[in-house]
Amino acid sequence: MISLNLNPTEKRLSAARRMVRLMLRHDEVLRLPPAGQELQVISGVAWITVNGRDIFLVSGERFRLPSRGDTTLISALGRQSMILEVFGAPWGA
């Protein structure tokens, strides 16, 4: 449960702890705005393209996205689906 009566400091802390778990199939692409989120691959292999770089993560690996720059593209590498956790996700309340 999230309180709607948070002071500004508590709101920032709440956003920093926010986590969204996503499953991407091999034919799907996720776009994330540059906001400094941290990613962790739970299963599968992630192909991340950000600011002209390609990064590959396997299960258990983490990566912090830059807070500035281009939109990040994330997809599952290979035919297997990928499960990804995004910390500091910019969605929801």
PDB file of N, CA and C in Angstrom:
ATOM      1  N   MET A   1       0.840  -1.168   0.000  1.00  0.00           N
ATOM      2  CA  MET A   1       0.000   0.000   0.000  1.00  0.00           C
ATOM      3  C   MET A   1       0.887   1.234   0.000  1.00  0.00           C
ATOM      4  N   ILE A   2       0.553   2.217  -0.826  1.00  0.00           N
ATOM      5  CA  ILE A   2       1.332   3.446  -0.924  1.00  0.00           C
ATOM      6  C   ILE A   2       0.502   4.593  -0.384  1.00  0.00           C
ATOM      7  N   SER A   3       1.089   5.355   0.506  1.00  0.00           N
ATOM      8  CA  SER A   3       0.414   6.514   1.073  1.00  0.00           C
ATOM      9  C   SER A   3       0.464   7.667   0.092  1.00  0.00           C
ATOM     10  N   LEU A   4      -0.656   8.350  -0.058  1.00  0.00           N
ATOM     11  CA  LEU A   4      -0.707   9.514  -0.932  1.00  0.00           C
ATOM     12  C   LEU A   4      -0.278  10.777  -0.215  1.00  0.00           C
ATOM     13  N   ASN A   5      -0.052  10.707   1.099  1.00  0.00           N
ATOM     14  CA  ASN A   5       0.321  11.876   1.895  1.00  0.00           C
ATOM     15  C   ASN A   5       1.804  11.857   2.252  1.00  0.00           C
ATOM     16  N   LEU A   6       2.644  11.630   1.269  1.00  0.00           N
ATOM     17  CA  LEU A   6       4.079  11.576   1.524  1.00  0.00           C
ATOM     18  C   LEU A   6       4.687  12.961   1.347  1.00  0.00           C
ATOM     19  N   ASN A   7       5.695  13.255   2.159  1.00  0.00           N
ATOM     20  CA  ASN A   7       6.416  14.511   1.935  1.00  0.00           C
ATOM     21  C   ASN A   7       7.367  14.306   0.754  1.00  0.00           C
ATOM     22  N   PRO A   8       7.972  15.379   0.190  1.00  0.00           N
ATOM     23  CA  PRO A   8       8.819  15.221  -1.006  1.00  0.00           C
ATOM     24  C   PRO A   8       9.962  14.221  -0.848  1.00  0.00           C
ATOM     25  N   THR A   9      10.593  14.157   0.305  1.00  0.00           N
ATOM     26  CA  THR A   9      11.679  13.202   0.517  1.00  0.00           C
ATOM     27  C   THR A   9      11.158  11.779   0.462  1.00  0.00           C
ATOM     28  N   GLU A  10      10.035  11.519   1.113  1.00  0.00           N
ATOM     29  CA  GLU A  10       9.458  10.172   1.099  1.00  0.00           C
ATOM     30  C   GLU A  10       9.006   9.792  -0.300  1.00  0.00           C
ATOM     31  N   LYS A  11       8.505  10.750  -1.088  1.00  0.00           N
ATOM     32  CA  LYS A  11       8.097  10.445  -2.458  1.00  0.00           C
ATOM     33  C   LYS A  11       9.290   9.995  -3.282  1.00  0.00           C
ATOM     34  N   ARG A  12      10.445  10.666  -3.145  1.00  0.00           N
ATOM     35  CA  ARG A  12      11.644  10.267  -3.881  1.00  0.00           C
ATOM     36  C   ARG A  12      12.103   8.879  -3.463  1.00  0.00           C
ATOM     37  N   LEU A  13      12.082   8.587  -2.168  1.00  0.00           N
ATOM     38  CA  LEU A  13      12.489   7.267  -1.697  1.00  0.00           C
ATOM     39  C   LEU A  13      11.538   6.192  -2.204  1.00  0.00           C
ATOM     40  N   SER A  14      10.236   6.490  -2.191  1.00  0.00           N
ATOM     41  CA  SER A  14       9.255   5.533  -2.673  1.00  0.00           C
ATOM     42  C   SER A  14       9.483   5.233  -4.149  1.00  0.00           C
ATOM     43  N   ALA A  15       9.753   6.254  -4.956  1.00  0.00           N
ATOM     44  CA  ALA A  15      10.001   6.045  -6.381  1.00  0.00           C
ATOM     45  C   ALA A  15      11.276   5.245  -6.606  1.00  0.00           C
ATOM     46  N   ALA A  16      12.302   5.468  -5.802  1.00  0.00           N
ATOM     47  CA  ALA A  16      13.567   4.754  -5.952  1.00  0.00           C
ATOM     48  C   ALA A  16      13.404   3.272  -5.655  1.00  0.00           C
ATOM     49  N   ARG A  17      12.492   2.904  -4.769  1.00  0.00           N
ATOM     50  CA  ARG A  17      12.284   1.504  -4.409  1.00  0.00           C
ATOM     51  C   ARG A  17      11.288   0.805  -5.322  1.00  0.00           C
ATOM     52  N   ARG A  18      10.560   1.546  -6.131  1.00  0.00           N
ATOM     53  CA  ARG A  18       9.530   0.966  -6.992  1.00  0.00           C
ATOM     54  C   ARG A  18      10.165  -0.050  -7.934  1.00  0.00           C
ATOM     55  N   MET A  19       9.507  -1.187  -8.094  1.00  0.00           N
ATOM     56  CA  MET A  19      10.017  -2.239  -8.968  1.00  0.00           C
ATOM     57  C   MET A  19       8.859  -2.778  -9.793  1.00  0.00           C
ATOM     58  N   VAL A  20       9.128  -2.986 -11.069  1.00  0.00           N
ATOM     59  CA  VAL A  20       8.159  -3.593 -11.970  1.00  0.00           C
ATOM     60  C   VAL A  20       8.824  -4.816 -12.582  1.00  0.00           C
ATOM     61  N   ARG A  21       8.101  -5.925 -12.604  1.00  0.00           N
ATOM     62  CA  ARG A  21       8.622  -7.153 -13.220  1.00  0.00           C
ATOM     63  C   ARG A  21       7.896  -7.347 -14.549  1.00  0.00           C
ATOM     64  N   LEU A  22       8.680  -7.537 -15.603  1.00  0.00           N
ATOM     65  CA  LEU A  22       8.140  -7.667 -16.954  1.00  0.00           C
ATOM     66  C   LEU A  22       8.627  -8.945 -17.603  1.00  0.00           C
ATOM     67  N   MET A  23       7.789  -9.494 -18.474  1.00  0.00           N
ATOM     68  CA  MET A  23       8.220 -10.617 -19.295  1.00  0.00           C
ATOM     69  C   MET A  23       8.147 -10.161 -20.746  1.00  0.00           C
ATOM     70  N   LEU A  24       9.253 -10.309 -21.453  1.00  0.00           N
ATOM     71  CA  LEU A  24       9.309  -9.974 -22.867  1.00  0.00           C
ATOM     72  C   LEU A  24       9.508 -11.246 -23.675  1.00  0.00           C
ATOM     73  N   ARG A  25       8.675 -11.415 -24.716  1.00  0.00           N
ATOM     74  CA  ARG A  25       8.874 -12.531 -25.632  1.00  0.00           C
ATOM     75  C   ARG A  25       9.964 -12.156 -26.625  1.00  0.00           C
ATOM     76  N   HIS A  26      10.417 -13.117 -27.386  1.00  0.00           N
ATOM     77  CA  HIS A  26      11.522 -12.886 -28.322  1.00  0.00           C
ATOM     78  C   HIS A  26      11.200 -11.835 -29.388  1.00  0.00           C
ATOM     79  N   ASP A  27       9.914 -11.561 -29.627  1.00  0.00           N
ATOM     80  CA  ASP A  27       9.537 -10.612 -30.678  1.00  0.00           C
ATOM     81  C   ASP A  27       9.050  -9.261 -30.125  1.00  0.00           C
ATOM     82  N   GLU A  28       9.306  -8.993 -28.844  1.00  0.00           N
ATOM     83  CA  GLU A  28       8.857  -7.748 -28.223  1.00  0.00           C
ATOM     84  C   GLU A  28      10.045  -6.855 -27.872  1.00  0.00           C
ATOM     85  N   VAL A  29       9.784  -5.545 -27.881  1.00  0.00           N
ATOM     86  CA  VAL A  29      10.810  -4.558 -27.526  1.00  0.00           C
ATOM     87  C   VAL A  29      10.214  -3.609 -26.494  1.00  0.00           C
ATOM     88  N   LEU A  30      10.964  -3.339 -25.440  1.00  0.00           N
ATOM     89  CA  LEU A  30      10.572  -2.390 -24.400  1.00  0.00           C
ATOM     90  C   LEU A  30      11.381  -1.121 -24.593  1.00  0.00           C
ATOM     91  N   ARG A  31      10.723   0.028 -24.531  1.00  0.00           N
ATOM     92  CA  ARG A  31      11.396   1.324 -24.600  1.00  0.00           C
ATOM     93  C   ARG A  31      11.305   1.987 -23.241  1.00  0.00           C
ATOM     94  N   LEU A  32      12.442   2.437 -22.722  1.00  0.00           N
ATOM     95  CA  LEU A  32      12.476   3.139 -21.442  1.00  0.00           C
ATOM     96  C   LEU A  32      13.097   4.516 -21.623  1.00  0.00           C
ATOM     97  N   PRO A  33      12.478   5.543 -21.031  1.00  0.00           N
ATOM     98  CA  PRO A  33      13.077   6.877 -21.096  1.00  0.00           C
ATOM     99  C   PRO A  33      14.322   6.927 -20.218  1.00  0.00           C
ATOM    100  N   PRO A  34      15.244   7.843 -20.495  1.00  0.00           N
ATOM    101  CA  PRO A  34      16.441   7.956 -19.645  1.00  0.00           C
ATOM    102  C   PRO A  34      16.067   8.517 -18.282  1.00  0.00           C
ATOM    103  N   ALA A  35      16.082   7.656 -17.260  1.00  0.00           N
ATOM    104  CA  ALA A  35      15.687   8.087 -15.920  1.00  0.00           C
ATOM    105  C   ALA A  35      16.513   7.425 -14.830  1.00  0.00           C
ATOM    106  N   GLY A  36      17.620   6.757 -15.180  1.00  0.00           N
ATOM    107  CA  GLY A  36      18.499   6.164 -14.179  1.00  0.00           C
ATOM    108  C   GLY A  36      17.961   4.910 -13.521  1.00  0.00           C
ATOM    109  N   GLN A  37      17.074   4.180 -14.200  1.00  0.00           N
ATOM    110  CA  GLN A  37      16.540   2.950 -13.626  1.00  0.00           C
ATOM    111  C   GLN A  37      17.628   1.877 -13.550  1.00  0.00           C
ATOM    112  N   GLU A  38      17.414   0.921 -12.659  1.00  0.00           N
ATOM    113  CA  GLU A  38      18.318  -0.227 -12.582  1.00  0.00           C
ATOM    114  C   GLU A  38      17.561  -1.443 -13.069  1.00  0.00           C
ATOM    115  N   LEU A  39      18.217  -2.252 -13.897  1.00  0.00           N
ATOM    116  CA  LEU A  39      17.608  -3.450 -14.463  1.00  0.00           C
ATOM    117  C   LEU A  39      18.272  -4.681 -13.878  1.00  0.00           C
ATOM    118  N   GLN A  40      17.475  -5.733 -13.672  1.00  0.00           N
ATOM    119  CA  GLN A  40      18.031  -7.034 -13.308  1.00  0.00           C
ATOM    120  C   GLN A  40      17.300  -8.098 -14.104  1.00  0.00           C
ATOM    121  N   VAL A  41      18.076  -8.954 -14.751  1.00  0.00           N
ATOM    122  CA  VAL A  41      17.505 -10.061 -15.512  1.00  0.00           C
ATOM    123  C   VAL A  41      17.253 -11.213 -14.545  1.00  0.00           C
ATOM    124  N   ILE A  42      16.021 -11.685 -14.537  1.00  0.00           N
ATOM    125  CA  ILE A  42      15.641 -12.814 -13.675  1.00  0.00           C
ATOM    126  C   ILE A  42      15.817 -14.129 -14.429  1.00  0.00           C
ATOM    127  N   SER A  43      15.423 -14.151 -15.706  1.00  0.00           N
ATOM    128  CA  SER A  43      15.670 -15.328 -16.535  1.00  0.00           C
ATOM    129  C   SER A  43      15.781 -14.896 -17.994  1.00  0.00           C
ATOM    130  N   GLY A  44      16.510 -15.679 -18.759  1.00  0.00           N
ATOM    131  CA  GLY A  44      16.719 -15.354 -20.157  1.00  0.00           C
ATOM    132  C   GLY A  44      17.934 -14.459 -20.346  1.00  0.00           C
ATOM    133  N   VAL A  45      18.026 -13.882 -21.552  1.00  0.00           N
ATOM    134  CA  VAL A  45      19.132 -12.998 -21.909  1.00  0.00           C
ATOM    135  C   VAL A  45      18.551 -11.696 -22.441  1.00  0.00           C
ATOM    136  N   ALA A  46      19.027 -10.575 -21.902  1.00  0.00           N
ATOM    137  CA  ALA A  46      18.559  -9.258 -22.325  1.00  0.00           C
ATOM    138  C   ALA A  46      19.546  -8.626 -23.290  1.00  0.00           C
ATOM    139  N   TRP A  47      19.010  -8.035 -24.340  1.00  0.00           N
ATOM    140  CA  TRP A  47      19.798  -7.238 -25.275  1.00  0.00           C
ATOM    141  C   TRP A  47      19.360  -5.800 -25.070  1.00  0.00           C
ATOM    142  N   ILE A  48      20.262  -4.966 -24.578  1.00  0.00           N
ATOM    143  CA  ILE A  48      19.961  -3.578 -24.230  1.00  0.00           C
ATOM    144  C   ILE A  48      20.765  -2.669 -25.154  1.00  0.00           C
ATOM    145  N   THR A  49      20.080  -1.732 -25.796  1.00  0.00           N
ATOM    146  CA  THR A  49      20.750  -0.741 -26.625  1.00  0.00           C
ATOM    147  C   THR A  49      20.479   0.623 -26.021  1.00  0.00           C
ATOM    148  N   VAL A  50      21.556   1.314 -25.615  1.00  0.00           N
ATOM    149  CA  VAL A  50      21.417   2.626 -24.984  1.00  0.00           C
ATOM    150  C   VAL A  50      22.593   3.499 -25.396  1.00  0.00           C
ATOM    151  N   ASN A  51      22.286   4.699 -25.831  1.00  0.00           N
ATOM    152  CA  ASN A  51      23.303   5.682 -26.215  1.00  0.00           C
ATOM    153  C   ASN A  51      24.359   5.100 -27.162  1.00  0.00           C
ATOM    154  N   GLY A  52      23.891   4.326 -28.142  1.00  0.00           N
ATOM    155  CA  GLY A  52      24.798   3.778 -29.152  1.00  0.00           C
ATOM    156  C   GLY A  52      25.590   2.553 -28.739  1.00  0.00           C
ATOM    157  N   ARG A  53      25.318   2.005 -27.549  1.00  0.00           N
ATOM    158  CA  ARG A  53      26.025   0.818 -27.044  1.00  0.00           C
ATOM    159  C   ARG A  53      25.063  -0.361 -26.952  1.00  0.00           C
ATOM    160  N   ASP A  54      25.557  -1.547 -27.232  1.00  0.00           N
ATOM    161  CA  ASP A  54      24.803  -2.777 -27.009  1.00  0.00           C
ATOM    162  C   ASP A  54      25.356  -3.460 -25.778  1.00  0.00           C
ATOM    163  N   ILE A  55      24.460  -3.840 -24.877  1.00  0.00           N
ATOM    164  CA  ILE A  55      24.837  -4.508 -23.630  1.00  0.00           C
ATOM    165  C   ILE A  55      24.016  -5.792 -23.546  1.00  0.00           C
ATOM    166  N   PHE A  56      24.649  -6.872 -23.151  1.00  0.00           N
ATOM    167  CA  PHE A  56      23.966  -8.153 -23.010  1.00  0.00           C
ATOM    168  C   PHE A  56      24.053  -8.582 -21.557  1.00  0.00           C
ATOM    169  N   LEU A  57      22.900  -8.916 -20.978  1.00  0.00           N
ATOM    170  CA  LEU A  57      22.844  -9.381 -19.587  1.00  0.00           C
ATOM    171  C   LEU A  57      22.204 -10.753 -19.538  1.00  0.00           C
ATOM    172  N   VAL A  58      22.724 -11.612 -18.674  1.00  0.00           N
ATOM    173  CA  VAL A  58      22.136 -12.931 -18.451  1.00  0.00           C
ATOM    174  C   VAL A  58      21.503 -12.949 -17.064  1.00  0.00           C
ATOM    175  N   SER A  59      20.821 -14.012 -16.779  1.00  0.00           N
ATOM    176  CA  SER A  59      20.112 -14.174 -15.506  1.00  0.00           C
ATOM    177  C   SER A  59      21.000 -13.816 -14.311  1.00  0.00           C
ATOM    178  N   GLY A  60      20.485 -12.934 -13.451  1.00  0.00           N
ATOM    179  CA  GLY A  60      21.195 -12.533 -12.247  1.00  0.00           C
ATOM    180  C   GLY A  60      22.020 -11.268 -12.403  1.00  0.00           C
ATOM    181  N   GLU A  61      22.263 -10.816 -13.627  1.00  0.00           N
ATOM    182  CA  GLU A  61      23.075  -9.619 -13.830  1.00  0.00           C
ATOM    183  C   GLU A  61      22.221  -8.354 -13.772  1.00  0.00           C
ATOM    184  N   ARG A  62      22.874  -7.254 -13.336  1.00  0.00           N
ATOM    185  CA  ARG A  62      22.214  -5.950 -13.193  1.00  0.00           C
ATOM    186  C   ARG A  62      22.937  -4.911 -14.030  1.00  0.00           C
ATOM    187  N   PHE A  63      22.176  -3.847 -14.363  1.00  0.00           N
ATOM    188  CA  PHE A  63      22.752  -2.728 -15.102  1.00  0.00           C
ATOM    189  C   PHE A  63      21.960  -1.470 -14.760  1.00  0.00           C
ATOM    190  N   ARG A  64      22.664  -0.384 -14.507  1.00  0.00           N
ATOM    191  CA  ARG A  64      21.998   0.898 -14.255  1.00  0.00           C
ATOM    192  C   ARG A  64      21.982   1.703 -15.539  1.00  0.00           C
ATOM    193  N   LEU A  65      20.776   2.125 -15.936  1.00  0.00           N
ATOM    194  CA  LEU A  65      20.625   2.941 -17.133  1.00  0.00           C
ATOM    195  C   LEU A  65      21.042   4.374 -16.837  1.00  0.00           C
ATOM    196  N   PRO A  66      21.545   5.068 -17.844  1.00  0.00           N
ATOM    197  CA  PRO A  66      21.906   6.469 -17.629  1.00  0.00           C
ATOM    198  C   PRO A  66      20.669   7.318 -17.369  1.00  0.00           C
ATOM    199  N   SER A  67      20.856   8.414 -16.674  1.00  0.00           N
ATOM    200  CA  SER A  67      19.728   9.306 -16.392  1.00  0.00           C
ATOM    201  C   SER A  67      19.556  10.343 -17.494  1.00  0.00           C
ATOM    202  N   ARG A  68      20.468  10.339 -18.460  1.00  0.00           N
ATOM    203  CA  ARG A  68      20.378  11.254 -19.611  1.00  0.00           C
ATOM    204  C   ARG A  68      20.726  10.499 -20.879  1.00  0.00           C
ATOM    205  N   GLY A  69      20.289  11.048 -21.989  1.00  0.00           N
ATOM    206  CA  GLY A  69      20.649  10.448 -23.268  1.00  0.00           C
ATOM    207  C   GLY A  69      19.433   9.953 -24.013  1.00  0.00           C
ATOM    208  N   ASP A  70      19.667   8.927 -24.828  1.00  0.00           N
ATOM    209  CA  ASP A  70      18.622   8.391 -25.694  1.00  0.00           C
ATOM    210  C   ASP A  70      17.699   7.437 -24.951  1.00  0.00           C
ATOM    211  N   THR A  71      16.567   7.156 -25.572  1.00  0.00           N
ATOM    212  CA  THR A  71      15.666   6.123 -25.084  1.00  0.00           C
ATOM    213  C   THR A  71      16.384   4.777 -25.134  1.00  0.00           C
ATOM    214  N   THR A  72      16.180   3.952 -24.113  1.00  0.00           N
ATOM    215  CA  THR A  72      16.786   2.622 -24.056  1.00  0.00           C
ATOM    216  C   THR A  72      15.839   1.610 -24.685  1.00  0.00           C
ATOM    217  N   LEU A  73      16.378   0.724 -25.516  1.00  0.00           N
ATOM    218  CA  LEU A  73      15.609  -0.373 -26.110  1.00  0.00           C
ATOM    219  C   LEU A  73      16.064  -1.670 -25.477  1.00  0.00           C
ATOM    220  N   ILE A  74      15.101  -2.496 -25.064  1.00  0.00           N
ATOM    221  CA  ILE A  74      15.408  -3.771 -24.414  1.00  0.00           C
ATOM    222  C   ILE A  74      14.604  -4.863 -25.094  1.00  0.00           C
ATOM    223  N   SER A  75      15.259  -5.968 -25.412  1.00  0.00           N
ATOM    224  CA  SER A  75      14.560  -7.112 -25.984  1.00  0.00           C
ATOM    225  C   SER A  75      15.196  -8.393 -25.468  1.00  0.00           C
ATOM    226  N   ALA A  76      14.456  -9.491 -25.625  1.00  0.00           N
ATOM    227  CA  ALA A  76      14.971 -10.809 -25.254  1.00  0.00           C
ATOM    228  C   ALA A  76      15.813 -11.327 -26.411  1.00  0.00           C
ATOM    229  N   LEU A  77      16.988 -11.841 -26.101  1.00  0.00           N
ATOM    230  CA  LEU A  77      17.866 -12.378 -27.135  1.00  0.00           C
ATOM    231  C   LEU A  77      17.568 -13.865 -27.297  1.00  0.00           C
ATOM    232  N   GLY A  78      17.443 -14.306 -28.515  1.00  0.00           N
ATOM    233  CA  GLY A  78      17.137 -15.708 -28.786  1.00  0.00           C
ATOM    234  C   GLY A  78      15.639 -15.947 -28.823  1.00  0.00           C
ATOM    235  N   ARG A  79      15.247 -17.198 -28.797  1.00  0.00           N
ATOM    236  CA  ARG A  79      13.821 -17.569 -28.897  1.00  0.00           C
ATOM    237  C   ARG A  79      13.152 -17.659 -27.529  1.00  0.00           C
ATOM    238  N   GLN A  80      13.907 -17.595 -26.461  1.00  0.00           N
ATOM    239  CA  GLN A  80      13.376 -17.733 -25.107  1.00  0.00           C
ATOM    240  C   GLN A  80      12.856 -16.392 -24.599  1.00  0.00           C
ATOM    241  N   SER A  81      11.755 -16.412 -23.859  1.00  0.00           N
ATOM    242  CA  SER A  81      11.256 -15.208 -23.197  1.00  0.00           C
ATOM    243  C   SER A  81      12.228 -14.791 -22.108  1.00  0.00           C
ATOM    244  N   MET A  82      12.147 -13.519 -21.727  1.00  0.00           N
ATOM    245  CA  MET A  82      13.027 -12.984 -20.693  1.00  0.00           C
ATOM    246  C   MET A  82      12.172 -12.339 -19.617  1.00  0.00           C
ATOM    247  N   ILE A  83      12.566 -12.518 -18.356  1.00  0.00           N
ATOM    248  CA  ILE A  83      11.909 -11.835 -17.237  1.00  0.00           C
ATOM    249  C   ILE A  83      12.905 -10.819 -16.699  1.00  0.00           C
ATOM    250  N   LEU A  84      12.423  -9.591 -16.556  1.00  0.00           N
ATOM    251  CA  LEU A  84      13.264  -8.456 -16.213  1.00  0.00           C
ATOM    252  C   LEU A  84      12.609  -7.665 -15.088  1.00  0.00           C
ATOM    253  N   GLU A  85      13.407  -7.266 -14.102  1.00  0.00           N
ATOM    254  CA  GLU A  85      12.925  -6.353 -13.064  1.00  0.00           C
ATOM    255  C   GLU A  85      13.514  -4.974 -13.326  1.00  0.00           C
ATOM    256  N   VAL A  86      12.654  -3.959 -13.245  1.00  0.00           N
ATOM    257  CA  VAL A  86      13.079  -2.578 -13.452  1.00  0.00           C
ATOM    258  C   VAL A  86      12.860  -1.846 -12.136  1.00  0.00           C
ATOM    259  N   PHE A  87      13.939  -1.410 -11.502  1.00  0.00           N
ATOM    260  CA  PHE A  87      13.872  -0.678 -10.232  1.00  0.00           C
ATOM    261  C   PHE A  87      13.894   0.806 -10.528  1.00  0.00           C
ATOM    262  N   GLY A  88      13.038   1.559  -9.824  1.00  0.00           N
ATOM    263  CA  GLY A  88      12.908   2.992 -10.107  1.00  0.00           C
ATOM    264  C   GLY A  88      12.090   3.194 -11.360  1.00  0.00           C
ATOM    265  N   ALA A  89      11.192   2.248 -11.638  1.00  0.00           N
ATOM    266  CA  ALA A  89      10.386   2.303 -12.861  1.00  0.00           C
ATOM    267  C   ALA A  89       9.550   3.578 -12.908  1.00  0.00           C
ATOM    268  N   PRO A  90       9.457   4.182 -14.092  1.00  0.00           N
ATOM    269  CA  PRO A  90       8.735   5.437 -14.224  1.00  0.00           C
ATOM    270  C   PRO A  90       7.225   5.280 -14.354  1.00  0.00           C
ATOM    271  N   TRP A  91       6.686   4.073 -14.145  1.00  0.00           N
ATOM    272  CA  TRP A  91       5.255   3.863 -14.321  1.00  0.00           C
ATOM    273  C   TRP A  91       4.575   3.735 -12.977  1.00  0.00           C
ATOM    274  N   GLY A  92       3.295   4.009 -12.970  1.00  0.00           N
ATOM    275  CA  GLY A  92       2.442   3.742 -11.804  1.00  0.00           C
ATOM    276  C   GLY A  92       2.726   4.645 -10.626  1.00  0.00           C
ATOM    277  N   ALA A  93       1.944   4.446  -9.584  1.00  0.00           N
ATOM    278  CA  ALA A  93       2.076   5.235  -8.351  1.00  0.00           C
ATOM    279  C   ALA A  93       2.511   4.361  -7.219  1.00  0.00           C
TER     280      ALA A  93
END
